[in-house]
N, C-alpha and C. Protein backbone atom coordinates (compact mmCIF):
# COMPACT_ATOMS: atom_id res chain seq x y z
N MET A 1 -21.43 -21.92 25.35
CA MET A 1 -20.55 -23.18 25.29
C MET A 1 -20.84 -24.04 25.80
N LYS A 2 -21.56 -24.41 26.36
CA LYS A 2 -22.32 -25.39 27.74
C LYS A 2 -23.60 -26.29 26.52
N ILE A 3 -23.67 -25.42 26.29
CA ILE A 3 -25.20 -25.70 25.18
C ILE A 3 -24.35 -26.54 23.96
N GLY A 4 -23.75 -26.08 23.18
CA GLY A 4 -22.63 -26.79 22.16
C GLY A 4 -22.18 -27.96 22.57
N ILE A 5 -21.50 -27.95 23.44
CA ILE A 5 -20.98 -29.03 23.69
C ILE A 5 -21.97 -30.19 24.35
N VAL A 6 -23.14 -29.79 24.99
CA VAL A 6 -24.01 -30.85 25.04
C VAL A 6 -24.90 -31.17 23.81
N ARG A 7 -24.89 -30.40 23.08
CA ARG A 7 -25.57 -30.88 21.96
C ARG A 7 -24.37 -32.09 21.09
N ALA A 8 -23.37 -31.66 21.01
CA ALA A 8 -22.14 -32.83 20.24
C ALA A 8 -22.45 -33.87 20.91
N LEU A 9 -22.36 -33.60 22.44
CA LEU A 9 -22.21 -35.14 23.10
C LEU A 9 -23.46 -35.77 23.12
N ILE A 10 -24.74 -35.20 23.20
CA ILE A 10 -25.85 -35.94 22.68
C ILE A 10 -25.62 -36.71 20.90
N PHE A 11 -25.42 -35.63 20.32
CA PHE A 11 -25.46 -36.31 18.90
C PHE A 11 -24.43 -37.72 18.94
N TYR A 12 -22.77 -37.53 19.50
CA TYR A 12 -22.66 -38.62 19.19
C TYR A 12 -22.89 -40.21 20.05
N GLY A 13 -23.38 -39.19 21.33
CA GLY A 13 -23.71 -40.24 22.36
C GLY A 13 -25.07 -41.19 21.69
N ILE A 14 -25.68 -40.63 20.80
CA ILE A 14 -27.38 -41.95 20.20
C ILE A 14 -26.48 -42.45 19.47
N GLY A 15 -25.78 -41.42 18.59
CA GLY A 15 -24.78 -42.46 17.33
C GLY A 15 -24.13 -43.94 17.71
N PHE A 16 -23.18 -43.97 18.57
CA PHE A 16 -22.56 -44.41 19.42
C PHE A 16 -23.48 -45.97 20.60
N GLY A 17 -24.43 -44.83 20.69
CA GLY A 17 -25.09 -45.75 21.38
C GLY A 17 -26.35 -46.58 20.48
N ILE A 18 -26.76 -46.51 19.41
CA ILE A 18 -27.58 -46.91 18.27
C ILE A 18 -26.07 -48.12 17.81
N ALA A 19 -25.04 -47.86 17.93
CA ALA A 19 -24.33 -48.75 17.35
C ALA A 19 -23.91 -50.13 18.33
N GLY A 20 -24.28 -49.41 19.46
CA GLY A 20 -23.93 -50.74 20.15
C GLY A 20 -25.16 -51.23 20.57
N ILE A 21 -26.36 -51.01 20.25
CA ILE A 21 -27.53 -51.88 20.51
C ILE A 21 -27.59 -52.85 19.32
N VAL A 22 -27.26 -52.02 17.86
CA VAL A 22 -27.15 -53.28 16.63
C VAL A 22 -26.00 -53.88 17.09
N TYR A 23 -25.11 -54.17 17.72
CA TYR A 23 -23.75 -54.83 17.85
C TYR A 23 -24.70 -56.18 18.87
N LEU A 24 -25.66 -55.90 20.24
CA LEU A 24 -25.81 -56.12 20.88
C LEU A 24 -26.89 -57.68 20.12
N ILE A 25 -27.95 -56.74 19.44
CA ILE A 25 -29.56 -57.29 18.55
C ILE A 25 -28.38 -58.31 17.52
N ILE A 26 -27.18 -57.84 16.60
CA ILE A 26 -27.26 -58.41 15.45
C ILE A 26 -25.86 -59.20 15.72
N GLY A 27 -25.34 -58.59 16.33
CA GLY A 27 -23.24 -58.74 16.49
C GLY A 27 -22.74 -58.65 15.14
N HIS A 28 -21.64 -59.90 15.12
CA HIS A 28 -20.99 -59.60 14.07
C HIS A 28 -20.59 -60.83 13.29
N PRO A 29 -21.79 -61.22 12.44
CA PRO A 29 -21.71 -62.69 12.06
C PRO A 29 -20.40 -62.77 11.02
N TYR A 30 -20.07 -62.05 10.55
CA TYR A 30 -19.51 -62.28 9.72
C TYR A 30 -18.09 -61.36 9.96
N ILE A 31 -16.88 -62.43 10.30
CA ILE A 31 -15.94 -61.63 10.78
C ILE A 31 -15.10 -61.07 10.03
N HIS A 32 -14.82 -61.33 8.58
CA HIS A 32 -14.08 -61.06 7.69
C HIS A 32 -14.28 -59.48 7.02
N ALA A 33 -15.89 -59.35 7.39
CA ALA A 33 -15.64 -58.15 6.83
C ALA A 33 -16.86 -56.89 7.89
N PRO A 34 -17.08 -55.45 7.92
CA PRO A 34 -17.38 -54.73 8.68
C PRO A 34 -18.48 -55.28 9.00
N GLY A 35 -19.28 -54.73 10.12
CA GLY A 35 -20.34 -55.25 10.89
C GLY A 35 -21.24 -54.05 10.70
N ILE A 36 -22.87 -54.55 11.02
CA ILE A 36 -23.38 -53.12 10.53
C ILE A 36 -23.33 -51.75 11.39
N HIS A 37 -22.68 -52.37 12.57
CA HIS A 37 -22.22 -51.26 13.89
C HIS A 37 -21.42 -50.39 13.55
N HIS A 38 -20.19 -50.77 12.32
CA HIS A 38 -19.03 -49.96 11.99
C HIS A 38 -19.64 -49.15 11.10
N PHE A 39 -20.25 -49.36 10.42
CA PHE A 39 -21.07 -48.79 9.28
C PHE A 39 -21.98 -47.61 10.21
N ILE A 40 -22.35 -47.77 10.81
CA ILE A 40 -23.30 -46.66 11.92
C ILE A 40 -22.24 -45.92 12.45
N LEU A 41 -21.36 -46.53 13.17
CA LEU A 41 -20.31 -45.62 13.94
C LEU A 41 -19.16 -44.81 12.09
N LEU A 42 -18.69 -45.17 11.24
CA LEU A 42 -18.73 -44.44 10.72
C LEU A 42 -19.59 -43.25 9.89
N LEU A 43 -21.21 -43.22 10.30
CA LEU A 43 -21.53 -42.53 9.57
C LEU A 43 -21.59 -41.84 10.70
N THR A 44 -21.77 -42.21 11.72
CA THR A 44 -21.66 -40.82 13.12
C THR A 44 -20.52 -40.05 12.58
N VAL A 45 -19.55 -40.73 12.15
CA VAL A 45 -18.81 -39.75 12.33
C VAL A 45 -18.31 -38.54 10.93
N LEU A 46 -19.01 -39.46 10.15
CA LEU A 46 -18.58 -38.67 8.70
C LEU A 46 -19.36 -37.79 8.95
N ILE A 47 -21.10 -37.95 9.23
CA ILE A 47 -21.81 -36.97 9.95
C ILE A 47 -21.44 -35.47 10.60
N GLY A 48 -20.57 -35.95 12.03
CA GLY A 48 -19.91 -35.00 12.57
C GLY A 48 -19.01 -34.27 11.90
N LEU A 49 -17.93 -35.27 10.89
CA LEU A 49 -16.87 -34.28 10.31
C LEU A 49 -17.92 -33.03 9.46
N ILE A 50 -19.27 -33.62 8.90
CA ILE A 50 -19.10 -32.59 8.01
C ILE A 50 -20.22 -31.10 8.90
N TRP A 51 -20.74 -32.13 9.80
CA TRP A 51 -21.38 -30.45 10.42
C TRP A 51 -20.04 -29.84 11.41
N THR A 52 -19.44 -30.30 11.36
CA THR A 52 -18.58 -29.16 11.80
C THR A 52 -17.45 -28.60 10.74
N ILE A 53 -17.71 -29.22 9.86
CA ILE A 53 -17.36 -28.14 8.78
C ILE A 53 -17.96 -26.99 8.63
N ILE A 54 -19.08 -27.19 8.57
CA ILE A 54 -20.33 -26.03 8.20
C ILE A 54 -20.55 -25.06 9.02
N SER A 55 -20.50 -25.63 10.28
CA SER A 55 -20.27 -25.16 11.96
C SER A 55 -19.46 -24.07 11.56
N LEU A 56 -17.64 -24.67 11.57
CA LEU A 56 -16.70 -23.57 11.22
C LEU A 56 -16.78 -22.40 10.23
N ALA A 57 -17.76 -22.62 8.96
CA ALA A 57 -17.72 -21.69 7.88
C ALA A 57 -19.18 -20.74 8.73
N ILE A 58 -19.69 -21.16 9.51
CA ILE A 58 -21.05 -20.39 9.83
C ILE A 58 -20.08 -19.14 11.29
N TYR A 59 -19.55 -20.04 11.77
CA TYR A 59 -18.36 -19.07 12.68
C TYR A 59 -17.30 -18.34 11.84
N PHE A 60 -16.90 -18.80 10.93
CA PHE A 60 -16.16 -17.53 10.63
C PHE A 60 -16.31 -16.55 10.11
N PHE A 61 -17.39 -16.55 9.30
CA PHE A 61 -18.26 -15.94 7.83
C PHE A 61 -19.30 -15.30 8.56
N LYS A 62 -20.44 -15.95 9.73
CA LYS A 62 -21.55 -15.14 9.84
C LYS A 62 -21.55 -14.85 11.32
N GLU A 63 -21.80 -15.63 12.37
CA GLU A 63 -21.69 -15.45 13.64
C GLU A 63 -20.66 -16.20 14.45
N LYS A 64 -19.98 -15.76 15.21
CA LYS A 64 -19.27 -16.01 16.25
C LYS A 64 -20.24 -15.98 17.52
N THR A 65 -20.81 -17.33 17.99
CA THR A 65 -21.00 -17.47 19.55
C THR A 65 -20.64 -18.68 20.26
N LYS A 66 -20.66 -18.46 21.63
CA LYS A 66 -19.98 -19.22 22.59
C LYS A 66 -20.55 -20.91 22.10
N THR A 67 -22.17 -20.76 21.92
CA THR A 67 -22.70 -22.53 21.49
C THR A 67 -21.91 -22.87 20.43
N LEU A 68 -21.82 -22.33 19.75
CA LEU A 68 -20.80 -22.67 18.46
C LEU A 68 -19.54 -23.50 18.69
N SER A 69 -18.97 -22.80 19.59
CA SER A 69 -17.40 -22.61 19.67
C SER A 69 -17.16 -23.77 20.36
N GLY A 70 -18.17 -24.18 21.62
CA GLY A 70 -18.55 -25.29 22.06
C GLY A 70 -18.56 -26.43 21.24
N PHE A 71 -19.56 -26.42 20.60
CA PHE A 71 -19.90 -27.34 19.37
C PHE A 71 -18.66 -27.85 18.62
N ILE A 72 -18.04 -26.82 18.10
CA ILE A 72 -16.77 -27.30 16.99
C ILE A 72 -16.13 -27.94 17.85
N LEU A 73 -15.66 -27.19 19.52
CA LEU A 73 -14.28 -27.54 20.11
C LEU A 73 -14.77 -29.62 20.73
N THR A 74 -15.64 -29.60 21.01
CA THR A 74 -16.18 -31.28 21.16
C THR A 74 -15.64 -31.89 19.77
N ASN A 75 -16.82 -31.14 19.32
CA ASN A 75 -16.35 -31.73 17.61
C ASN A 75 -15.04 -32.44 17.17
N LEU A 76 -14.43 -31.54 17.22
CA LEU A 76 -12.93 -31.39 16.86
C LEU A 76 -12.58 -32.79 17.92
N ILE A 77 -12.14 -32.37 19.22
CA ILE A 77 -11.89 -33.23 20.10
C ILE A 77 -12.34 -34.84 19.45
N ILE A 78 -13.73 -35.24 19.54
CA ILE A 78 -13.77 -36.69 19.32
C ILE A 78 -13.63 -36.89 17.51
N ILE A 79 -14.09 -36.13 16.56
CA ILE A 79 -13.10 -36.34 15.46
C ILE A 79 -11.23 -37.17 15.73
N ILE A 80 -10.59 -35.78 15.84
CA ILE A 80 -9.22 -36.10 16.04
C ILE A 80 -9.00 -37.33 17.10
N GLY A 81 -9.59 -37.65 18.00
CA GLY A 81 -9.88 -38.61 19.11
C GLY A 81 -9.76 -40.20 18.03
N CYS A 82 -10.87 -40.47 17.44
CA CYS A 82 -11.56 -40.91 17.14
C CYS A 82 -10.40 -41.70 15.78
N ALA A 83 -9.57 -40.52 14.80
CA ALA A 83 -8.72 -41.17 13.80
C ALA A 83 -7.48 -40.91 14.76
N LEU A 84 -7.21 -40.66 15.65
CA LEU A 84 -5.80 -41.12 16.17
C LEU A 84 -6.14 -42.58 16.87
N TYR A 85 -7.30 -43.03 17.21
CA TYR A 85 -7.31 -44.83 18.21
C TYR A 85 -7.32 -45.51 16.90
N ILE A 86 -8.01 -45.13 15.75
CA ILE A 86 -8.06 -45.48 14.61
C ILE A 86 -5.78 -45.98 13.90
N GLU A 87 -5.54 -44.78 14.04
CA GLU A 87 -4.42 -44.58 13.17
C GLU A 87 -3.32 -44.44 13.61
N ALA A 88 -3.14 -44.43 15.28
CA ALA A 88 -1.82 -44.45 16.10
C ALA A 88 -1.72 -46.21 16.06
N PRO A 89 -2.34 -47.00 16.43
CA PRO A 89 -1.91 -48.30 16.78
C PRO A 89 -1.49 -48.79 14.95
N LEU A 90 -2.41 -48.21 14.27
CA LEU A 90 -1.51 -48.99 12.52
C LEU A 90 -0.07 -48.21 12.27
N TYR A 91 0.18 -46.58 13.02
CA TYR A 91 1.57 -46.11 12.81
C TYR A 91 2.84 -46.91 13.45
N LEU A 92 2.29 -47.03 14.80
CA LEU A 92 3.36 -48.02 16.06
C LEU A 92 3.41 -49.69 15.15
N ASP A 93 2.48 -49.86 14.60
CA ASP A 93 2.63 -51.37 14.49
C ASP A 93 3.36 -51.02 13.27
N SER A 94 3.57 -50.05 12.27
CA SER A 94 4.45 -50.19 10.73
C SER A 94 5.60 -50.12 11.58
N LYS A 95 5.90 -49.02 12.45
CA LYS A 95 7.40 -48.96 12.58
C LYS A 95 8.43 -50.03 13.70
N LYS A 96 7.35 -51.17 14.25
CA LYS A 96 8.07 -52.38 14.69
C LYS A 96 9.06 -53.36 13.80
N LYS A 97 10.08 -53.36 14.19
CA LYS A 97 11.27 -54.07 13.34
C LYS A 97 11.12 -55.64 13.87
N ASN A 98 10.75 -56.87 13.00
CA ASN A 98 10.07 -57.98 13.33
C ASN A 98 11.22 -58.63 12.07
N ASN A 99 12.23 -58.74 12.02
CA ASN A 99 12.72 -58.93 10.68
C ASN A 99 13.45 -60.60 11.79
N VAL A 100 13.72 -61.28 12.36
CA VAL A 100 14.08 -62.37 12.94
C VAL A 100 12.68 -63.61 12.79
N PRO A 101 12.40 -64.23 11.91
CA PRO A 101 12.08 -65.22 12.24
C PRO A 101 12.41 -66.22 12.93
N THR A 102 11.16 -67.22 13.44
CA THR A 102 11.53 -68.04 14.77
C THR A 102 11.59 -69.23 14.13
N GLU A 103 11.15 -69.73 13.21
CA GLU A 103 11.20 -70.96 12.12
C GLU A 103 11.21 -70.81 11.21
N PHE A 104 12.29 -71.58 10.57
CA PHE A 104 13.00 -72.01 9.28
C PHE A 104 12.21 -72.84 9.13
N ILE A 105 11.51 -73.03 7.73
CA ILE A 105 11.33 -74.38 6.92
C ILE A 105 11.81 -74.19 5.60
N LYS A 106 12.73 -75.10 5.02
CA LYS A 106 13.23 -74.75 3.62
C LYS A 106 12.58 -76.27 3.22
N THR A 107 12.28 -75.96 1.82
CA THR A 107 12.17 -77.43 0.75
C THR A 107 13.38 -77.00 -0.22
N GLU A 108 13.87 -78.47 -0.74
CA GLU A 108 14.82 -78.88 -2.01
C GLU A 108 14.01 -80.49 -2.70
N VAL A 109 13.87 -79.25 -4.05
CA VAL A 109 13.45 -80.35 -4.95
C VAL A 109 14.25 -81.05 -5.45
N THR A 110 14.97 -81.68 -5.90
CA THR A 110 16.10 -82.08 -6.76
C THR A 110 15.64 -83.37 -7.26
N GLY A 111 15.05 -83.12 -8.60
CA GLY A 111 14.70 -84.52 -9.51
C GLY A 111 13.78 -84.48 -9.07
N ASP A 112 13.64 -86.45 -8.78
CA ASP A 112 12.89 -87.45 -8.18
C ASP A 112 12.75 -87.09 -6.40
N THR A 113 13.44 -86.37 -6.04
CA THR A 113 13.83 -86.26 -4.45
C THR A 113 13.36 -84.82 -3.89
N THR A 114 12.64 -85.18 -2.92
CA THR A 114 12.31 -84.49 -2.25
C THR A 114 13.04 -83.81 -0.59
N LYS A 115 13.34 -83.05 -0.21
CA LYS A 115 13.87 -82.71 1.26
C LYS A 115 12.76 -81.68 1.40
N ILE A 116 12.60 -81.92 3.00
CA ILE A 116 11.88 -80.83 3.43
C ILE A 116 13.30 -80.47 5.57
N TYR A 117 13.45 -79.18 5.53
CA TYR A 117 14.26 -79.03 6.36
C TYR A 117 13.70 -77.59 7.46
N HIS A 118 13.52 -78.10 8.56
CA HIS A 118 13.45 -77.25 9.74
C HIS A 118 14.13 -77.22 10.52
N ASN A 119 14.41 -75.74 10.65
CA ASN A 119 15.72 -74.81 11.44
C ASN A 119 16.91 -75.89 11.12
N GLU A 120 17.32 -75.75 9.47
CA GLU A 120 18.48 -76.53 9.29
C GLU A 120 18.62 -78.05 9.97
N ASN A 121 17.22 -78.63 9.99
CA ASN A 121 17.37 -80.08 11.04
C ASN A 121 16.68 -81.22 9.70
N LEU A 122 16.69 -81.89 8.79
CA LEU A 122 16.42 -82.83 8.19
C LEU A 122 15.11 -83.22 8.36
N ILE A 123 14.05 -83.12 8.30
CA ILE A 123 12.39 -83.89 8.70
C ILE A 123 11.63 -84.21 8.11
N PHE A 124 12.23 -84.52 6.61
CA PHE A 124 11.63 -85.39 5.41
C PHE A 124 12.15 -85.48 4.10
N ILE A 125 12.55 -86.52 4.02
CA ILE A 125 13.03 -86.98 2.26
C ILE A 125 12.01 -88.05 1.52
N LYS A 126 12.13 -87.81 0.65
CA LYS A 126 10.58 -88.92 -0.16
C LYS A 126 11.57 -88.88 -1.51
N VAL A 127 11.88 -90.07 -2.16
CA VAL A 127 12.45 -90.25 -3.20
C VAL A 127 11.39 -90.99 -4.01
N LYS A 128 10.88 -90.38 -5.43
CA LYS A 128 9.82 -91.11 -6.20
C LYS A 128 8.93 -91.11 -5.25
N ASP A 129 8.04 -91.87 -5.25
CA ASP A 129 6.56 -92.07 -4.27
C ASP A 129 7.40 -92.68 -3.15
N SER A 130 8.78 -93.03 -2.63
CA SER A 130 8.57 -93.63 -1.40
C SER A 130 9.21 -92.74 -0.42
N VAL A 131 8.81 -92.66 0.58
CA VAL A 131 8.85 -91.98 2.30
C VAL A 131 9.72 -92.42 2.95
N LEU A 132 11.51 -92.40 2.70
CA LEU A 132 12.35 -92.55 3.33
C LEU A 132 12.45 -92.04 4.84
N LEU A 133 12.33 -90.71 4.87
CA LEU A 133 12.31 -90.23 6.52
C LEU A 133 11.39 -89.37 6.92
N ASP A 134 10.56 -89.40 8.02
CA ASP A 134 9.28 -88.70 8.01
C ASP A 134 9.75 -88.16 9.76
N LEU A 135 10.07 -86.99 9.83
CA LEU A 135 10.11 -86.51 11.64
C LEU A 135 8.97 -85.37 11.72
N ARG A 136 8.30 -85.50 11.11
CA ARG A 136 7.08 -84.54 11.23
C ARG A 136 6.38 -84.55 12.32
């Protein structure tokens, strides 16, 4: 069992370590897209998932060894942990109810007149091209 656990930990350690080194060398230059280190992490977890499925098939249909059971157990713990690490904040954030906005900005346009209200206070009036009130 220990050999299977060590093999799985070495695999994930190498994958996560390479992702960390790539992040230190390259960084995250374009913040609006995933970096190379994210793809390495995703690839590591996907390979681990595929390897776990194959190991489960071997375990149930061919031979049941302690090494294989340790490997499967470690892989499942890491994969479930990664999934919860990603999914739990998304789930908890979607349950948060924050329906009370703190700032109200309302704009009224009637004909040539534009009025802007901030928290029900008039802060801007413009008639045609003339600004009559500007408290912004």
